[in-house]
Amino acid sequence: METRVIVILSLIVLFFVIYVIRLHLSVNAISNLLKELSSGNLNARLFTNKSGKLDSMARDIVAIIEKTNMRLGFAEAEMQRMEAILRGMSDGVLITDAHDTVILANRTFKKLLSVTENIEGKQIMDVVRNAQLIEIVRRALESWEIVSDEITVARGNREMFLIATAVPIYSEDSVRGIVLTLHDITRLRQLEEVRKDFVANVSHEIKTPITAIKGFAETLLDGALDDKDNSVRFLIMIKNHSERLNSLVDDLLALSGIELGDVKINKTEVSLDQVIDTVFMMLKDKADKKGLSLRKELPQSTQAIAADKDKLIQIIINLVDNGIKFTEKGGVTVGIDETGGRVALFVQDTGIGIPSRYLNRMGERFYRVDSARSRELGGTGLGLAIVKHLVGAHGWSMRVESEYGKGTRVNVIIDRYL
């Protein structure tokens, strides 16, 4: 009996020791797992097939960590996608933290503010050297509201116009950072100025002949009809101003159609020799009245080009007509220059020329070097603008050369023959 009791007690002790050992091993394994997780190793795992409560609890912990790790992976990927979007935006973007330290500044932001250094990790006040921009950020921080305003930034010899918007990132009781965006509106400002100038110029150009027509008509109605000599002169003036008005409307319609893309360029094989002859035939009487010559200079190697014949005639007519208007002695020459292996159609006159400071504005709508003289000669200020657009529509380029008092030369760079 005693032997039996001793055996049973020994078995109990043995089982207890085995249980303690297994418990110790499980606790050690779980302890090691928790140490790995606390050190930041979220990929740590517990490899056990045991079915104890501690092992089951450890496996539950690992399952939770796996789900958390997966969610963190998704969040990190989403953050990377958002960062890529912000860095690739056409608007400038800068993000700061609660301590005004720059977290992110995309390439556009740096380009707009001419920043070449890496500014991430620096204080915003140290890297943004624009008083208007700093004021916008300050107002957003103080008011906890979105602040947006227009600012100007110097870029070389010109100014850029930007819309700056500061958006505070805040929690319940503090601002956690700022999102600052810059939107470039320089082109819009330029277009607005062009629109204003265009409206003002059109109004002026239309009002002048209408006022003259109205004045002469009233004079005739007031009794000048009975004065044969003066009535004829007044009627001629009315006719001239009507033609000028009609010419202006035609040029406006032509320019509007070209800019809207309504004019299609249908390139065919065109003989430059024949086109120039056609233009000379149309403008011969006008040149003869001023005693001017119309000359053609085509080298023997001249070949056909790919162009829209009607549009090419319109280009040359406008250029030759301008040459006739502003030339008192000599004449106008149309030819081909093959210097440097390229083909350039040129129209050259011996007129009054253009001062060099005005050359870069040639081709602007309504722009005239001498407005009074241009109106006197019947110019609308749109001819060269039409030429510029038609040349561009062909895929060509245009360059104006002039020396004041010695004449002007307009080169249309065609590049090559057919």
Protein backbone atom coordinates (compact mmCIF):
# COMPACT_ATOMS: atom_id res chain seq x y z
CA MET A 1 0.00 0.00 0.00
CA GLU A 2 2.74 2.43 0.90
CA THR A 3 4.59 1.50 -2.29
CA ARG A 4 1.49 2.28 -4.28
CA VAL A 5 1.11 5.67 -2.65
CA ILE A 6 4.73 6.48 -3.30
CA VAL A 7 4.36 5.61 -6.98
CA ILE A 8 1.26 7.73 -7.32
CA LEU A 9 2.93 10.67 -5.60
CA SER A 10 5.97 10.27 -7.83
CA LEU A 11 3.77 10.35 -10.95
CA ILE A 12 2.00 13.42 -9.69
CA VAL A 13 5.29 15.18 -9.06
CA LEU A 14 6.56 14.11 -12.50
CA PHE A 15 3.44 15.42 -14.23
CA PHE A 16 3.70 18.65 -12.22
CA VAL A 17 7.34 19.11 -13.22
CA ILE A 18 6.50 18.47 -16.88
CA TYR A 19 3.64 20.98 -16.68
CA VAL A 20 5.90 23.58 -15.04
CA ILE A 21 8.56 23.03 -17.71
CA ARG A 22 6.00 23.41 -20.53
CA LEU A 23 4.54 26.47 -18.80
CA HIS A 24 8.04 27.94 -18.45
CA LEU A 25 8.79 27.34 -22.13
CA SER A 26 5.48 28.95 -23.20
CA VAL A 27 6.05 31.94 -20.95
CA ASN A 28 9.58 32.35 -22.34
CA ALA A 29 8.31 32.10 -25.91
CA ILE A 30 5.56 34.64 -25.26
CA SER A 31 8.01 36.91 -23.43
CA ASN A 32 10.42 36.79 -26.36
CA LEU A 33 7.56 37.50 -28.78
CA LEU A 34 6.47 40.55 -26.75
CA LYS A 35 10.08 41.83 -26.62
CA GLU A 36 10.35 41.58 -30.42
CA LEU A 37 7.03 43.38 -30.92
CA SER A 38 7.92 46.14 -28.44
CA SER A 39 11.22 46.72 -30.26
CA GLY A 40 9.28 47.45 -33.48
CA ASN A 41 9.61 44.07 -35.17
CA LEU A 42 5.99 43.57 -36.22
CA ASN A 43 6.99 40.55 -38.29
CA ALA A 44 7.87 38.47 -35.19
CA ARG A 45 5.91 35.21 -34.95
CA LEU A 46 5.21 32.46 -32.36
CA PHE A 47 5.65 29.01 -33.86
CA THR A 48 3.88 26.51 -31.60
CA ASN A 49 1.38 23.70 -32.04
CA LYS A 50 0.58 23.45 -28.35
CA SER A 51 -2.99 23.87 -27.25
CA GLY A 52 -2.59 25.46 -23.84
CA LYS A 53 -4.41 28.59 -22.83
CA LEU A 54 -1.20 30.64 -22.85
CA ASP A 55 -0.30 29.38 -26.31
CA SER A 56 -3.82 30.15 -27.52
CA MET A 57 -3.56 33.63 -26.05
CA ALA A 58 -0.19 34.14 -27.75
CA ARG A 59 -1.61 33.07 -31.11
CA ASP A 60 -4.45 35.58 -30.63
CA ILE A 61 -1.87 38.30 -29.99
CA VAL A 62 0.01 37.35 -33.17
CA ALA A 63 -3.24 37.41 -35.18
CA ILE A 64 -4.02 40.90 -33.92
CA ILE A 65 -0.49 42.05 -34.77
CA GLU A 66 -0.80 40.59 -38.29
CA LYS A 67 -4.02 42.50 -38.89
CA THR A 68 -2.50 45.69 -37.48
CA ASN A 69 0.60 45.22 -39.62
CA MET A 70 -1.56 44.76 -42.71
CA ARG A 71 -3.52 47.92 -41.95
CA LEU A 72 -0.28 49.85 -41.37
CA GLY A 73 0.95 48.60 -44.76
CA PHE A 74 -2.20 49.85 -46.45
CA ALA A 75 -1.93 53.19 -44.63
CA GLU A 76 1.74 53.57 -45.63
CA ALA A 77 0.95 52.76 -49.28
CA GLU A 78 -1.90 55.27 -49.22
CA MET A 79 0.38 57.89 -47.70
CA GLN A 80 2.99 57.24 -50.41
CA ARG A 81 0.32 57.62 -53.09
CA MET A 82 -0.87 60.90 -51.57
CA GLU A 83 2.71 62.15 -51.33
CA ALA A 84 3.30 61.25 -54.99
CA ILE A 85 0.13 63.13 -55.96
CA LEU A 86 1.15 66.20 -53.95
CA ARG A 87 4.67 66.19 -55.39
CA GLY A 88 3.34 65.90 -58.93
CA MET A 89 0.67 68.61 -58.67
CA SER A 90 0.85 71.55 -61.05
CA ASP A 91 0.14 73.87 -58.09
CA GLY A 92 2.79 74.54 -55.48
CA VAL A 93 2.23 72.69 -52.18
CA LEU A 94 4.03 73.06 -48.84
CA ILE A 95 3.06 71.24 -45.62
CA THR A 96 4.33 72.04 -42.13
CA ASP A 97 3.94 70.37 -38.74
CA ALA A 98 2.89 71.90 -35.43
CA HIS A 99 6.37 73.38 -34.95
CA ASP A 100 6.36 75.20 -38.31
CA THR A 101 8.85 72.69 -39.73
CA VAL A 102 8.48 71.92 -43.44
CA ILE A 103 7.38 68.30 -43.90
CA LEU A 104 6.89 68.41 -47.66
CA ALA A 105 7.47 70.93 -50.44
CA ASN A 106 6.77 69.81 -53.99
CA ARG A 107 8.81 70.73 -57.05
CA THR A 108 6.29 73.33 -58.28
CA PHE A 109 6.41 75.22 -54.98
CA LYS A 110 10.21 75.42 -55.16
CA LYS A 111 10.10 76.47 -58.80
CA LEU A 112 7.57 79.24 -58.21
CA LEU A 113 9.64 80.69 -55.38
CA SER A 114 12.99 80.01 -57.13
CA VAL A 115 14.16 77.72 -54.31
CA THR A 116 16.99 75.38 -55.31
CA GLU A 117 17.94 73.91 -51.90
CA ASN A 118 16.23 71.13 -49.99
CA ILE A 119 13.92 72.93 -47.53
CA GLU A 120 12.24 69.93 -45.90
CA GLY A 121 13.08 69.80 -42.19
CA LYS A 122 13.64 73.56 -41.98
CA GLN A 123 11.50 76.28 -40.44
CA ILE A 124 9.00 77.83 -42.86
CA MET A 125 10.02 81.34 -41.82
CA ASP A 126 13.60 80.56 -42.85
CA VAL A 127 12.80 79.23 -46.33
CA VAL A 128 9.85 81.36 -47.50
CA ARG A 129 11.34 84.77 -48.21
CA ASN A 130 8.20 86.59 -49.28
CA ALA A 131 6.58 89.06 -46.89
CA GLN A 132 3.11 88.64 -48.39
CA LEU A 133 3.29 84.85 -48.08
CA ILE A 134 4.52 84.97 -44.50
CA GLU A 135 1.63 87.33 -43.64
CA ILE A 136 -0.91 84.89 -45.12
CA VAL A 137 0.54 82.02 -43.05
CA ARG A 138 0.52 84.17 -39.89
CA ARG A 139 -3.13 85.13 -40.39
CA ALA A 140 -4.12 81.48 -40.89
CA LEU A 141 -2.28 80.42 -37.73
CA GLU A 142 -3.87 83.18 -35.65
CA SER A 143 -7.43 82.87 -36.96
CA TRP A 144 -7.53 79.06 -37.42
CA GLU A 145 -9.28 79.79 -40.70
CA ILE A 146 -8.43 79.38 -44.37
CA VAL A 147 -6.70 82.52 -45.68
CA SER A 148 -6.30 83.18 -49.41
CA ASP A 149 -4.84 86.19 -51.18
CA GLU A 150 -3.01 87.24 -54.33
CA ILE A 151 0.74 87.80 -54.13
CA THR A 152 3.43 88.88 -56.58
CA VAL A 153 6.79 87.17 -56.95
CA ALA A 154 9.73 88.64 -58.85
CA ARG A 155 11.14 86.34 -61.53
CA GLY A 156 14.05 88.00 -63.30
CA ASN A 157 12.78 91.06 -65.16
CA ARG A 158 9.12 90.14 -64.83
CA GLU A 159 6.55 89.56 -62.13
CA MET A 160 4.53 86.42 -61.46
CA PHE A 161 1.04 86.60 -59.98
CA LEU A 162 0.08 83.80 -57.58
CA ILE A 163 -2.97 82.90 -55.50
CA ALA A 164 -1.64 81.76 -52.11
CA THR A 165 -3.94 79.75 -49.81
CA ALA A 166 -3.02 78.73 -46.26
CA VAL A 167 -5.17 75.98 -44.70
CA PRO A 168 -4.59 75.30 -40.96
CA ILE A 169 -4.55 71.67 -39.83
CA TYR A 170 -5.95 71.76 -36.30
CA SER A 171 -7.18 69.51 -33.53
CA GLU A 172 -9.63 70.53 -30.82
CA ASP A 173 -7.29 72.87 -29.00
CA SER A 174 -4.26 73.54 -31.22
CA VAL A 175 -3.01 73.98 -34.77
CA ARG A 176 -1.07 70.90 -35.89
CA GLY A 177 0.32 72.43 -39.08
CA ILE A 178 -0.34 74.37 -42.27
CA VAL A 179 -1.02 73.33 -45.86
CA LEU A 180 0.12 76.17 -48.14
CA THR A 181 -0.75 76.11 -51.87
CA LEU A 182 0.35 78.41 -54.69
CA HIS A 183 -1.62 78.73 -57.93
CA ASP A 184 0.01 80.57 -60.85
CA ILE A 185 -2.40 83.07 -62.46
CA THR A 186 0.23 85.01 -64.43
CA ARG A 187 -1.08 83.77 -67.77
CA LEU A 188 -4.65 84.66 -66.77
CA ARG A 189 -3.53 88.16 -65.83
CA GLN A 190 -1.78 88.55 -69.18
CA LEU A 191 -4.86 87.34 -71.05
CA GLU A 192 -7.02 89.74 -69.06
CA GLU A 193 -4.75 92.62 -70.07
CA VAL A 194 -4.89 91.47 -73.69
CA ARG A 195 -8.69 91.34 -73.49
CA LYS A 196 -8.89 94.84 -72.01
CA ASP A 197 -6.52 96.22 -74.65
CA PHE A 198 -8.45 94.43 -77.38
CA VAL A 199 -11.81 95.81 -76.27
CA ALA A 200 -10.37 99.31 -75.90
CA ASN A 201 -8.68 99.19 -79.31
CA VAL A 202 -11.71 97.76 -81.12
CA SER A 203 -13.95 100.38 -79.54
CA HIS A 204 -11.58 103.14 -80.60
CA GLU A 205 -11.05 101.79 -84.12
CA ILE A 206 -14.78 101.39 -84.73
CA LYS A 207 -15.78 104.67 -83.11
CA THR A 208 -13.40 106.78 -85.22
CA PRO A 209 -14.88 105.97 -88.67
CA ILE A 210 -18.45 105.90 -87.30
CA THR A 211 -17.99 109.38 -85.80
CA ALA A 212 -16.59 110.65 -89.11
CA ILE A 213 -19.43 109.10 -91.14
CA LYS A 214 -22.03 110.53 -88.75
CA GLY A 215 -20.41 113.98 -88.87
CA PHE A 216 -20.24 114.14 -92.68
CA ALA A 217 -23.80 112.79 -93.02
CA GLU A 218 -25.13 115.45 -90.61
CA THR A 219 -23.24 118.15 -92.50
CA LEU A 220 -24.82 117.01 -95.75
CA LEU A 221 -28.28 116.95 -94.18
CA ASP A 222 -27.75 120.44 -92.78
CA GLY A 223 -27.47 121.88 -96.28
CA ALA A 224 -24.13 120.80 -97.69
CA LEU A 225 -25.98 118.65 -100.25
CA ASP A 226 -26.62 121.82 -102.24
CA ASP A 227 -22.88 122.56 -102.38
CA LYS A 228 -21.84 120.25 -105.20
CA ASP A 229 -18.08 120.40 -104.64
CA ASN A 230 -18.24 119.89 -100.89
CA SER A 231 -21.01 117.30 -101.05
CA VAL A 232 -18.93 115.13 -103.40
CA ARG A 233 -15.91 115.51 -101.10
CA PHE A 234 -18.00 114.59 -98.05
CA LEU A 235 -19.44 111.55 -99.81
CA ILE A 236 -15.94 110.40 -100.76
CA MET A 237 -14.91 110.74 -97.09
CA ILE A 238 -17.97 108.73 -96.02
CA LYS A 239 -17.06 106.05 -98.56
CA ASN A 240 -13.42 105.93 -97.37
CA HIS A 241 -14.41 105.60 -93.72
CA SER A 242 -17.00 102.96 -94.62
CA GLU A 243 -14.30 100.97 -96.42
CA ARG A 244 -12.01 101.33 -93.42
CA LEU A 245 -14.76 100.10 -91.13
CA ASN A 246 -15.50 97.19 -93.45
CA SER A 247 -11.80 96.34 -93.61
CA LEU A 248 -11.60 96.35 -89.82
CA VAL A 249 -14.59 94.01 -89.51
CA ASP A 250 -13.14 91.66 -92.15
CA ASP A 251 -9.79 91.57 -90.37
CA LEU A 252 -11.45 90.96 -87.00
CA LEU A 253 -13.50 88.09 -88.41
CA ALA A 254 -10.43 86.62 -90.09
CA LEU A 255 -8.31 86.86 -86.93
CA SER A 256 -11.10 85.49 -84.74
CA GLY A 257 -11.58 82.53 -87.08
CA ILE A 258 -7.86 81.75 -87.09
CA GLU A 259 -7.55 81.96 -83.28
CA LEU A 260 -10.62 79.77 -82.77
CA GLY A 261 -9.19 77.16 -85.11
CA ASP A 262 -11.97 77.58 -87.69
CA VAL A 263 -9.43 78.14 -90.46
CA LYS A 264 -8.07 74.85 -91.75
CA ILE A 265 -4.72 74.61 -93.51
CA ASN A 266 -4.94 72.36 -96.57
CA LYS A 267 -1.40 71.97 -97.83
CA THR A 268 -0.84 71.24 -101.50
CA GLU A 269 2.03 71.67 -103.93
CA VAL A 270 2.33 75.43 -104.49
CA SER A 271 4.54 77.32 -106.94
CA LEU A 272 6.05 80.36 -105.21
CA ASP A 273 6.67 82.02 -108.59
CA GLN A 274 2.96 81.90 -109.50
CA VAL A 275 1.79 82.99 -106.04
CA ILE A 276 4.06 86.06 -106.03
CA ASP A 277 2.90 87.00 -109.54
CA THR A 278 -0.72 86.78 -108.36
CA VAL A 279 -0.01 89.11 -105.42
CA PHE A 280 1.83 91.61 -107.62
CA MET A 281 -1.05 91.68 -110.06
CA MET A 282 -3.51 92.46 -107.23
CA LEU A 283 -1.37 95.26 -105.73
CA LYS A 284 0.22 96.74 -108.89
CA ASP A 285 -2.17 99.71 -109.13
CA LYS A 286 -1.61 100.62 -105.48
CA ALA A 287 2.19 100.55 -105.94
CA ASP A 288 2.00 102.50 -109.22
CA LYS A 289 0.05 105.32 -107.55
CA LYS A 290 3.01 105.88 -105.20
CA GLY A 291 5.62 105.30 -107.92
CA LEU A 292 6.96 102.18 -106.18
CA SER A 293 8.42 99.08 -107.82
CA LEU A 294 7.43 95.50 -107.06
CA ARG A 295 10.37 93.11 -107.55
CA LYS A 296 10.72 89.36 -107.36
CA GLU A 297 13.99 87.64 -106.40
CA LEU A 298 13.84 83.88 -106.83
CA PRO A 299 17.01 81.80 -107.23
CA GLN A 300 17.09 79.25 -110.04
CA SER A 301 16.94 76.45 -107.46
CA THR A 302 13.52 77.59 -106.27
CA GLN A 303 11.07 74.68 -106.10
CA ALA A 304 7.47 74.16 -105.05
CA ILE A 305 6.56 74.16 -101.35
CA ALA A 306 3.82 72.50 -99.32
CA ALA A 307 1.35 75.24 -98.34
CA ASP A 308 -2.28 76.31 -98.39
CA LYS A 309 -2.26 78.40 -101.55
CA ASP A 310 -5.04 80.83 -100.55
CA LYS A 311 -3.56 81.38 -97.07
CA LEU A 312 -0.07 81.87 -98.53
CA ILE A 313 -1.45 84.51 -100.92
CA GLN A 314 -3.11 86.19 -97.91
CA ILE A 315 0.21 86.19 -96.03
CA ILE A 316 2.14 87.77 -98.89
CA ILE A 317 -0.65 90.28 -99.70
CA ASN A 318 -0.61 91.58 -96.11
CA LEU A 319 3.17 91.86 -96.05
CA VAL A 320 3.48 93.54 -99.46
CA ASP A 321 0.54 95.86 -98.70
CA ASN A 322 2.26 96.93 -95.45
CA GLY A 323 5.46 97.54 -97.38
CA ILE A 324 3.66 99.76 -99.89
CA LYS A 325 1.89 101.74 -97.14
CA PHE A 326 5.08 102.65 -95.30
CA THR A 327 7.36 103.20 -98.30
CA GLU A 328 7.64 106.52 -100.14
CA LYS A 329 10.64 105.80 -102.38
CA GLY A 330 12.01 102.61 -103.88
CA GLY A 331 9.76 99.61 -103.65
CA VAL A 332 8.98 96.20 -102.24
CA THR A 333 10.86 92.99 -103.00
CA VAL A 334 9.54 89.46 -102.49
CA GLY A 335 11.99 86.59 -102.73
CA ILE A 336 13.54 83.42 -101.38
CA ASP A 337 16.65 83.24 -99.22
CA GLU A 338 18.39 79.85 -99.08
CA THR A 339 21.22 80.90 -96.75
CA GLY A 340 22.32 78.25 -94.28
CA GLY A 341 20.53 75.42 -96.07
CA ARG A 342 17.07 76.62 -95.08
CA VAL A 343 14.29 78.15 -97.17
CA ALA A 344 12.99 81.56 -96.09
CA LEU A 345 10.38 83.62 -97.94
CA PHE A 346 11.09 87.31 -97.39
CA VAL A 347 9.26 90.57 -98.09
CA GLN A 348 11.55 93.61 -97.94
CA ASP A 349 10.74 97.28 -98.40
CA THR A 350 12.72 100.52 -98.50
CA GLY A 351 10.34 102.37 -96.21
CA ILE A 352 10.60 104.21 -92.93
CA GLY A 353 11.65 101.16 -90.92
CA ILE A 354 10.95 100.28 -87.30
CA PRO A 355 13.07 101.26 -84.26
CA SER A 356 14.68 98.16 -82.75
CA ARG A 357 12.93 98.62 -79.38
CA TYR A 358 9.56 97.96 -81.03
CA LEU A 359 10.49 94.84 -83.04
CA ASN A 360 9.48 92.34 -80.34
CA ARG A 361 5.92 93.72 -80.41
CA MET A 362 5.40 93.22 -84.12
CA GLY A 363 2.45 90.88 -84.62
CA GLU A 364 0.44 92.07 -81.62
CA ARG A 365 -3.16 92.93 -82.41
CA PHE A 366 -3.69 96.66 -83.07
CA TYR A 367 -0.07 97.47 -82.28
CA ARG A 368 1.35 100.29 -84.40
CA VAL A 369 4.68 102.05 -84.07
CA ASP A 370 3.11 105.25 -85.44
CA SER A 371 -0.63 105.07 -84.75
CA ALA A 372 -1.53 108.37 -86.40
CA ARG A 373 0.32 107.52 -89.63
CA SER A 374 -1.12 104.00 -89.72
CA ARG A 375 -4.69 105.25 -89.44
CA GLU A 376 -4.00 107.90 -92.06
CA LEU A 377 -2.85 105.16 -94.43
CA GLY A 378 -5.87 102.98 -93.67
CA GLY A 379 -4.18 100.37 -91.51
CA THR A 380 -6.21 98.43 -88.91
CA GLY A 381 -3.22 97.14 -86.94
CA LEU A 382 -4.36 93.55 -87.51
CA GLY A 383 -2.59 92.64 -90.76
CA LEU A 384 0.67 91.45 -89.20
CA ALA A 385 -1.24 89.63 -86.43
CA ILE A 386 -3.15 87.70 -89.10
CA VAL A 387 0.11 86.91 -90.90
CA LYS A 388 1.69 85.69 -87.66
CA HIS A 389 -1.20 83.31 -86.97
CA LEU A 390 -1.34 81.99 -90.53
CA VAL A 391 2.41 81.41 -90.52
CA GLY A 392 2.12 79.51 -87.22
CA ALA A 393 -0.81 77.48 -88.56
CA HIS A 394 1.46 76.25 -91.37
CA GLY A 395 4.05 75.16 -88.82
CA TRP A 396 6.45 77.90 -89.94
CA SER A 397 8.05 80.75 -88.01
CA MET A 398 8.38 84.49 -88.63
CA ARG A 399 11.16 86.97 -87.88
CA VAL A 400 11.07 90.74 -88.42
CA GLU A 401 14.27 92.67 -89.17
CA SER A 402 14.36 96.44 -89.55
CA GLU A 403 16.57 99.48 -89.41
CA TYR A 404 14.89 102.76 -88.73
CA GLY A 405 14.90 104.96 -91.83
CA LYS A 406 16.16 102.17 -94.11
CA GLY A 407 13.29 99.72 -94.40
CA THR A 408 11.91 96.48 -93.02
CA ARG A 409 12.32 92.82 -93.91
CA VAL A 410 9.89 90.11 -92.78
CA ASN A 411 11.23 86.56 -93.03
CA VAL A 412 8.88 83.58 -93.11
CA ILE A 413 10.97 80.50 -92.34
CA ILE A 414 9.59 77.62 -94.41
CA ASP A 415 12.65 75.38 -93.78
CA ARG A 416 12.53 73.27 -96.95
CA TYR A 417 11.03 72.67 -100.35
CA LEU A 418 8.85 69.72 -101.19
